Protein backbone atom coordinates (compact mmCIF):
# COMPACT_ATOMS: atom_id res chain seq x y z
CA MET A 1 55.82 45.68 -102.75
CA GLN A 2 53.16 43.77 -104.67
CA GLN A 3 53.32 40.98 -102.13
CA ASN A 4 52.78 43.50 -99.23
CA GLU A 5 49.71 44.84 -101.02
CA LYS A 6 48.42 41.32 -101.60
CA ASN A 7 48.84 40.51 -97.89
CA HIS A 8 47.11 43.66 -96.83
CA GLN A 9 44.20 42.91 -99.14
CA ASP A 10 43.97 39.37 -97.68
CA GLU A 11 43.82 40.88 -94.14
CA GLN A 12 41.01 43.16 -95.21
CA GLU A 13 39.04 40.37 -96.74
CA THR A 14 39.52 38.34 -93.58
CA GLU A 15 38.32 41.18 -91.39
CA ASP A 16 35.29 41.73 -93.54
CA ILE A 17 33.99 38.17 -92.99
CA PRO A 18 30.93 38.60 -90.81
CA TYR A 19 30.77 36.68 -87.46
CA THR A 20 28.11 34.05 -87.41
CA ASP A 21 26.40 32.99 -84.16
CA PRO A 22 26.50 29.14 -83.93
CA ALA A 23 23.06 29.24 -82.31
CA LYS A 24 21.66 30.69 -85.55
CA ASP A 25 23.03 27.69 -87.48
CA ILE A 26 21.02 25.19 -85.44
CA PRO A 27 18.51 24.56 -88.23
CA ALA A 28 21.27 23.22 -90.39
CA ALA A 29 21.98 20.71 -87.62
CA GLY A 30 18.43 19.33 -87.60
CA SER A 31 16.87 21.37 -84.91
CA VAL A 32 14.64 24.42 -85.10
CA THR A 33 12.45 26.60 -82.81
CA THR A 34 9.03 27.36 -84.40
CA GLY A 35 6.47 29.95 -83.38
CA GLY A 36 2.79 28.92 -83.90
CA LYS A 37 0.03 28.72 -81.35
CA HIS A 38 2.80 28.11 -78.85
CA LEU A 39 6.61 28.43 -79.23
CA ILE A 40 7.91 24.84 -79.53
CA HIS A 41 11.33 23.38 -80.35
CA CYS A 42 11.69 20.54 -82.91
CA LEU A 43 14.56 18.21 -82.35
CA THR A 44 15.39 15.48 -84.96
CA ILE A 45 17.23 12.21 -84.02
CA ILE A 46 18.26 10.66 -87.34
CA GLY A 47 20.65 8.06 -88.65
CA GLN A 48 22.88 6.44 -86.04
CA VAL A 49 23.27 7.77 -82.51
CA GLU A 50 27.01 8.56 -82.21
CA GLY A 51 28.70 7.91 -78.86
CA HIS A 52 32.35 8.34 -77.91
CA TYR A 53 33.64 7.02 -81.27
CA ILE A 54 33.29 9.19 -84.38
CA LEU A 55 31.39 7.46 -87.14
CA PRO A 56 32.63 7.46 -90.78
CA PRO A 57 31.77 10.68 -92.67
CA GLN A 58 29.38 8.94 -95.04
CA ASN A 59 27.19 7.94 -92.09
CA LYS A 60 24.16 10.00 -91.07
CA SER A 61 24.42 10.44 -87.34
CA THR A 62 23.11 12.31 -84.30
CA LYS A 63 25.88 13.39 -81.98
CA TYR A 64 24.97 13.29 -78.32
CA GLU A 65 27.36 16.09 -77.44
CA HIS A 66 25.20 18.30 -79.65
CA VAL A 67 21.83 17.09 -78.42
CA ILE A 68 22.50 17.21 -74.65
CA PRO A 69 23.32 21.06 -74.54
CA GLN A 70 20.23 21.68 -76.67
CA LEU A 71 18.05 19.83 -74.26
CA VAL A 72 19.45 21.79 -71.36
CA ALA A 73 18.90 25.04 -73.17
CA ILE A 74 15.31 24.06 -74.05
CA GLU A 75 14.48 23.18 -70.47
CA GLU A 76 15.97 26.50 -69.19
CA ASN A 77 14.44 28.73 -71.84
CA GLN A 78 11.18 30.11 -70.46
CA ASP A 79 10.01 31.16 -73.99
CA ILE A 80 10.03 27.61 -75.31
CA LYS A 81 6.79 25.93 -74.20
CA GLY A 82 7.21 22.43 -75.66
CA LEU A 83 9.57 20.01 -77.34
CA LEU A 84 8.73 17.90 -80.41
CA VAL A 85 11.18 14.98 -80.99
CA ILE A 86 11.12 13.44 -84.47
CA LEU A 87 12.89 10.12 -84.87
CA ASN A 88 14.13 8.21 -87.90
CA THR A 89 17.07 6.22 -86.52
CA VAL A 90 18.68 2.83 -86.81
CA GLY A 91 19.92 2.93 -83.25
CA GLY A 92 23.50 3.26 -82.14
CA ASP A 93 25.52 3.77 -78.95
CA VAL A 94 23.56 2.40 -75.99
CA GLU A 95 24.94 4.77 -73.28
CA ALA A 96 24.68 7.85 -75.53
CA GLY A 97 21.04 6.98 -76.49
CA LEU A 98 20.07 6.30 -72.88
CA ALA A 99 21.67 9.58 -71.77
CA ILE A 100 19.56 11.53 -74.25
CA ALA A 101 16.41 9.47 -73.32
CA GLU A 102 16.93 10.05 -69.59
CA LEU A 103 17.27 13.81 -70.13
CA ILE A 104 14.06 13.93 -72.20
CA ALA A 105 12.21 11.82 -69.68
CA GLY A 106 13.37 14.17 -66.91
CA MET A 107 12.21 17.40 -68.48
CA LYS A 108 9.34 19.51 -67.07
CA THR A 109 8.87 21.08 -70.46
CA PRO A 110 6.07 19.12 -72.24
CA THR A 111 7.47 16.60 -74.73
CA VAL A 112 5.99 14.55 -77.61
CA SER A 113 7.84 12.16 -79.87
CA LEU A 114 6.97 11.11 -83.42
CA VAL A 115 8.50 8.06 -85.07
CA LEU A 116 8.92 8.36 -88.87
CA GLY A 117 10.54 5.72 -91.00
CA GLY A 118 12.14 3.86 -88.16
CA GLY A 119 12.75 3.96 -84.44
CA HIS A 120 15.08 0.95 -84.13
CA SER A 121 17.20 -0.39 -81.35
CA ILE A 122 18.18 2.37 -78.92
CA GLY A 123 15.60 4.45 -80.80
CA VAL A 124 12.91 2.63 -78.83
CA PRO A 125 13.92 4.18 -75.41
CA LEU A 126 14.29 7.56 -77.16
CA ALA A 127 10.71 7.29 -78.62
CA VAL A 128 9.15 6.35 -75.30
CA SER A 129 11.02 8.95 -73.24
CA ALA A 130 8.59 11.68 -74.25
CA SER A 131 5.39 12.46 -72.29
CA ARG A 132 3.34 11.27 -75.26
CA SER A 133 4.56 9.10 -78.16
CA PHE A 134 3.16 8.81 -81.78
CA ILE A 135 4.16 6.74 -84.74
CA VAL A 136 3.07 6.81 -88.38
CA PRO A 137 1.50 3.66 -89.81
CA SER A 138 4.38 3.05 -92.25
CA ALA A 139 7.09 3.32 -89.61
CA THR A 140 8.77 0.32 -87.88
CA MET A 141 10.56 -0.36 -84.66
CA THR A 142 13.15 -3.23 -84.18
CA ILE A 143 13.68 -4.74 -80.85
CA HIS A 144 16.71 -6.93 -80.21
CA PRO A 145 19.29 -7.72 -77.47
CA VAL A 146 22.37 -5.67 -76.75
CA ARG A 147 25.44 -6.61 -78.84
CA MET A 148 28.89 -5.30 -79.39
CA ASN A 149 31.27 -4.97 -82.45
CA GLY A 150 35.02 -5.34 -82.25
CA LEU A 151 37.15 -7.19 -79.69
CA VAL A 152 35.19 -8.80 -76.86
CA LEU A 153 36.89 -10.66 -73.99
CA GLY A 154 35.34 -14.15 -73.71
CA VAL A 155 35.04 -14.02 -69.96
CA PRO A 156 31.84 -14.25 -67.70
CA GLN A 157 32.22 -10.61 -66.75
CA SER A 158 31.57 -9.46 -70.34
CA PHE A 159 28.34 -11.31 -70.56
CA SER A 160 27.35 -10.09 -67.11
CA TYR A 161 28.00 -6.52 -68.27
CA PHE A 162 25.77 -7.04 -71.37
CA ASP A 163 23.04 -8.50 -69.17
CA LYS A 164 23.07 -5.47 -66.80
CA MET A 165 23.08 -3.07 -69.75
CA GLN A 166 20.05 -4.89 -71.26
CA ASP A 167 18.27 -4.69 -67.87
CA ARG A 168 18.82 -0.91 -67.83
CA ILE A 169 17.13 -0.63 -71.29
CA VAL A 170 14.23 -2.92 -70.41
CA ARG A 171 13.56 -1.05 -67.10
CA PHE A 172 13.61 2.31 -68.85
CA VAL A 173 11.23 1.28 -71.67
CA THR A 174 8.74 -0.51 -69.38
CA GLU A 175 8.66 2.40 -66.98
CA ASN A 176 8.03 4.85 -69.82
CA SER A 177 5.49 3.01 -71.84
CA ASN A 178 2.53 0.64 -71.38
CA ILE A 179 4.39 -2.59 -72.28
CA SER A 180 5.14 -5.20 -69.64
CA GLU A 181 8.67 -6.40 -68.90
CA ALA A 182 7.77 -10.00 -69.78
CA ARG A 183 6.32 -9.08 -73.13
CA PHE A 184 9.19 -6.72 -73.91
CA ARG A 185 11.74 -9.47 -73.23
CA GLU A 186 9.77 -11.95 -75.25
CA LEU A 187 9.79 -9.65 -78.30
CA MET A 188 13.47 -8.94 -77.68
CA MET A 189 14.46 -12.63 -77.71
CA LYS A 190 12.14 -13.83 -80.43
CA THR A 191 13.72 -16.12 -83.04
CA GLY A 192 12.67 -16.77 -86.66
CA GLU A 193 11.65 -13.21 -87.57
CA LEU A 194 14.93 -11.33 -88.26
CA ALA A 195 17.15 -13.00 -90.91
CA MET A 196 20.44 -12.45 -89.13
CA ASP A 197 19.47 -11.50 -85.60
CA VAL A 198 17.24 -12.30 -82.62
CA GLY A 199 14.37 -9.95 -82.02
CA THR A 200 11.18 -8.48 -83.53
CA THR A 201 10.18 -5.79 -85.94
CA LEU A 202 6.99 -4.01 -85.15
CA GLY A 203 5.02 -1.87 -87.62
CA GLY A 204 3.26 1.30 -86.57
CA GLU A 205 -0.08 -0.41 -85.63
CA ALA A 206 1.65 -3.22 -83.86
CA ALA A 207 3.78 -0.93 -81.79
CA VAL A 208 0.61 0.76 -80.57
CA GLU A 209 -1.21 -2.57 -79.91
CA GLU A 210 1.77 -3.83 -77.87
CA GLY A 211 1.62 -0.70 -75.73
CA LEU A 212 5.06 0.51 -76.75
CA ILE A 213 3.81 3.67 -78.43
CA ASP A 214 0.75 5.66 -77.35
CA ARG A 215 -0.91 6.43 -80.68
CA LEU A 216 -0.90 6.18 -84.39
CA GLY A 217 -0.77 9.69 -85.91
CA GLY A 218 1.22 12.15 -87.99
CA LEU A 219 2.76 15.58 -87.52
CA SER A 220 -0.47 17.48 -86.95
CA ASP A 221 -1.64 14.91 -84.32
CA ALA A 222 1.68 15.20 -82.48
CA ILE A 223 1.67 19.01 -82.48
CA GLU A 224 -2.02 19.11 -81.38
CA CYS A 225 -1.19 16.82 -78.42
CA LEU A 226 1.84 18.98 -77.53
CA TYR A 227 -0.31 22.10 -77.52
CA SER A 228 -2.71 20.32 -75.17
CA LEU A 229 0.00 19.36 -72.81
CA ILE A 230 1.34 22.98 -72.84
CA GLU A 231 -2.01 24.37 -72.10
CA GLU A 232 -2.58 21.84 -69.30
CA ARG A 233 0.79 22.86 -67.78
CA GLU A 234 -0.11 26.53 -68.00
CA GLY A 235 -3.44 26.00 -66.30
CA GLY A 236 -5.63 26.06 -69.33
CA GLU A 237 -8.96 24.36 -69.54
CA LYS A 238 -8.15 22.20 -72.49
CA ASP A 239 -7.80 18.54 -71.74
CA ALA A 240 -4.32 17.17 -72.38
CA ALA A 241 -5.61 13.66 -73.29
CA LEU A 242 -4.54 12.30 -76.62
CA PRO A 243 -6.62 13.86 -79.41
CA ASP A 244 -9.22 11.62 -81.05
CA ALA A 245 -7.99 12.83 -84.42
CA ALA A 246 -4.82 10.80 -83.88
CA GLY A 247 -6.95 7.75 -84.64
CA GLY A 248 -4.81 5.04 -83.04
CA ALA A 249 -5.52 1.69 -81.62
CA ALA A 250 -6.26 1.31 -77.96
CA LEU A 251 -3.28 0.85 -75.62
CA SER A 252 -2.46 -2.76 -74.69
CA ALA A 253 0.60 -4.75 -73.86
CA GLY A 254 4.03 -5.25 -75.50
CA GLY A 255 7.33 -3.49 -76.52
CA ALA A 256 11.12 -3.47 -77.20
CA ALA A 257 14.52 -1.73 -77.78
CA ASP A 258 17.89 -1.84 -79.77
CA GLY A 259 20.36 -0.62 -82.54
CA ALA A 260 23.58 -1.02 -84.57
CA ALA A 261 26.84 0.27 -83.20
CA ALA A 262 30.30 1.41 -84.32
CA GLY A 263 33.78 0.77 -82.85
CA GLU A 264 33.90 -1.13 -79.56
CA ARG A 265 30.96 0.68 -77.93
CA PRO A 266 27.93 -1.50 -77.07
CA ALA A 267 24.99 -0.65 -79.22
CA LEU A 268 21.49 -1.83 -79.92
């Protein structure tokens, strides 16, 4: 009898648990829609970009299966006027990172990226995928060749595959930034700078001077630029050029891309 009463009480407690809409929990996943001068969505790409292999639980990661639907929803939502992408990533899965970067580059919704801390490896294509890109002076971006962890077959086809994947990254970065292909490859293959790798680490100012990132600037600069892009799209009179307040160096030539991977997936 007591057991029946306990079961009935448990059923009541279960029924009283309120239903939570997963969409309302998005802020906990590192993404939030804010309402200011214009309604914009802020998306964070942090830690390691996770691909088809699940990373260990102690790793901070950005899951591409979470980001991709959000980007589709942002593009389809008529109320959201712009997208701000904030990056602090070590890189990760090449194909997952490129998939996200291609989606951002193909959006009609105005987009601005801001690199904080680091935009390493596959984080480079993600940073340049936005309509305008910013980096804070203390941030860095590491450019190095594609590499793979785990078992690799020592046959010519494996190295041909790596080479083709690297070409995809180089082409995307150079098409979406002001760095030349020759300079990007030079930075990617540079020796003597990284202790245990081939490549280059660029500070915030150097990334702008190389033409990889558009401007030095912080959060307010990125938001101001995004508002300008929104107003230009909506037919406003405000010029969508990069704000002078961003205070960056002039664009020039240079660039890169890469990251660290998990499992047997190729990563930068």
